């Protein structure tokens, strides 16, 4: 029984410590972080006072050929 309780406690702690559940921003193209990577740019702040890091190519609209 003690082993079961210890296993549950460890699993609960690990589920709280594992990163990866970052908040999305900029129309789901960016991620809220304390620091952005070198290739990312900051355009807005997130609601949790973190930077919204967005790759520059995702912010530009795709060019479409003119069709007449």
Protein backbone atom coordinates (compact mmCIF):
# COMPACT_ATOMS: atom_id res chain seq x y z
CA UNK A 1 0.00 0.00 0.00
CA UNK A 2 2.87 2.36 0.79
CA UNK A 3 4.41 1.65 -2.60
CA UNK A 4 1.15 2.55 -4.32
CA UNK A 5 0.91 5.85 -2.44
CA UNK A 6 4.53 6.67 -3.21
CA UNK A 7 3.99 5.91 -6.90
CA UNK A 8 0.91 8.14 -7.04
CA UNK A 9 2.74 10.97 -5.28
CA UNK A 10 5.66 10.76 -7.72
CA UNK A 11 3.34 10.72 -10.73
CA UNK A 12 1.46 13.77 -9.46
CA UNK A 13 4.70 15.68 -8.93
CA UNK A 14 6.03 14.74 -12.36
CA UNK A 15 2.83 15.86 -14.05
CA UNK A 16 3.22 19.28 -12.43
CA UNK A 17 6.91 19.68 -13.28
CA UNK A 18 6.97 18.64 -16.92
CA UNK A 19 7.03 21.64 -19.28
CA UNK A 20 5.25 21.79 -22.59
CA UNK A 21 1.86 23.23 -21.76
CA UNK A 22 2.67 26.70 -23.03
CA UNK A 23 0.01 29.23 -23.82
CA UNK A 24 -0.64 30.04 -27.49
CA UNK A 25 -0.90 33.58 -28.83
CA UNK A 26 -0.98 35.60 -32.08
CA UNK A 27 -3.82 33.64 -33.61
CA UNK A 28 -2.25 30.32 -32.49
CA UNK A 29 1.01 31.00 -34.38
CA UNK A 30 3.09 32.04 -31.37
CA UNK A 31 3.96 30.80 -27.89
CA UNK A 32 4.14 32.72 -24.62
CA UNK A 33 7.65 32.56 -23.15
CA UNK A 34 9.97 34.53 -20.89
CA UNK A 35 12.59 34.71 -23.67
CA UNK A 36 12.24 34.24 -27.40
CA UNK A 37 14.61 32.29 -29.62
CA UNK A 38 16.99 34.19 -31.91
CA UNK A 39 14.83 33.78 -35.02
CA UNK A 40 11.58 34.73 -33.28
CA UNK A 41 10.11 38.21 -32.94
CA UNK A 42 7.91 39.80 -30.30
CA UNK A 43 4.80 41.63 -31.52
CA UNK A 44 2.52 41.58 -28.46
CA UNK A 45 2.55 40.56 -24.80
CA UNK A 46 0.56 37.64 -23.49
CA UNK A 47 -2.02 37.90 -20.73
CA UNK A 48 0.43 36.34 -18.25
CA UNK A 49 3.03 39.12 -18.90
CA UNK A 50 5.22 36.88 -21.03
CA UNK A 51 6.43 37.61 -24.55
CA UNK A 52 4.47 36.29 -27.51
CA UNK A 53 7.24 34.72 -29.61
CA UNK A 54 6.38 34.34 -33.30
CA UNK A 55 8.45 33.15 -36.22
CA UNK A 56 8.62 36.03 -38.76
CA UNK A 57 7.50 33.93 -41.74
CA UNK A 58 4.23 33.10 -39.98
CA UNK A 59 3.23 36.74 -39.58
CA UNK A 60 3.39 37.63 -43.27
CA UNK A 61 0.35 36.78 -45.40
CA UNK A 62 0.91 34.37 -48.24
CA UNK A 63 1.09 35.99 -51.64
CA UNK A 64 -1.61 34.88 -54.03
CA UNK A 65 -1.39 35.39 -57.76
CA UNK A 66 -3.87 37.78 -59.26
CA UNK A 67 -6.62 35.98 -61.10
CA UNK A 68 -8.76 37.89 -63.61
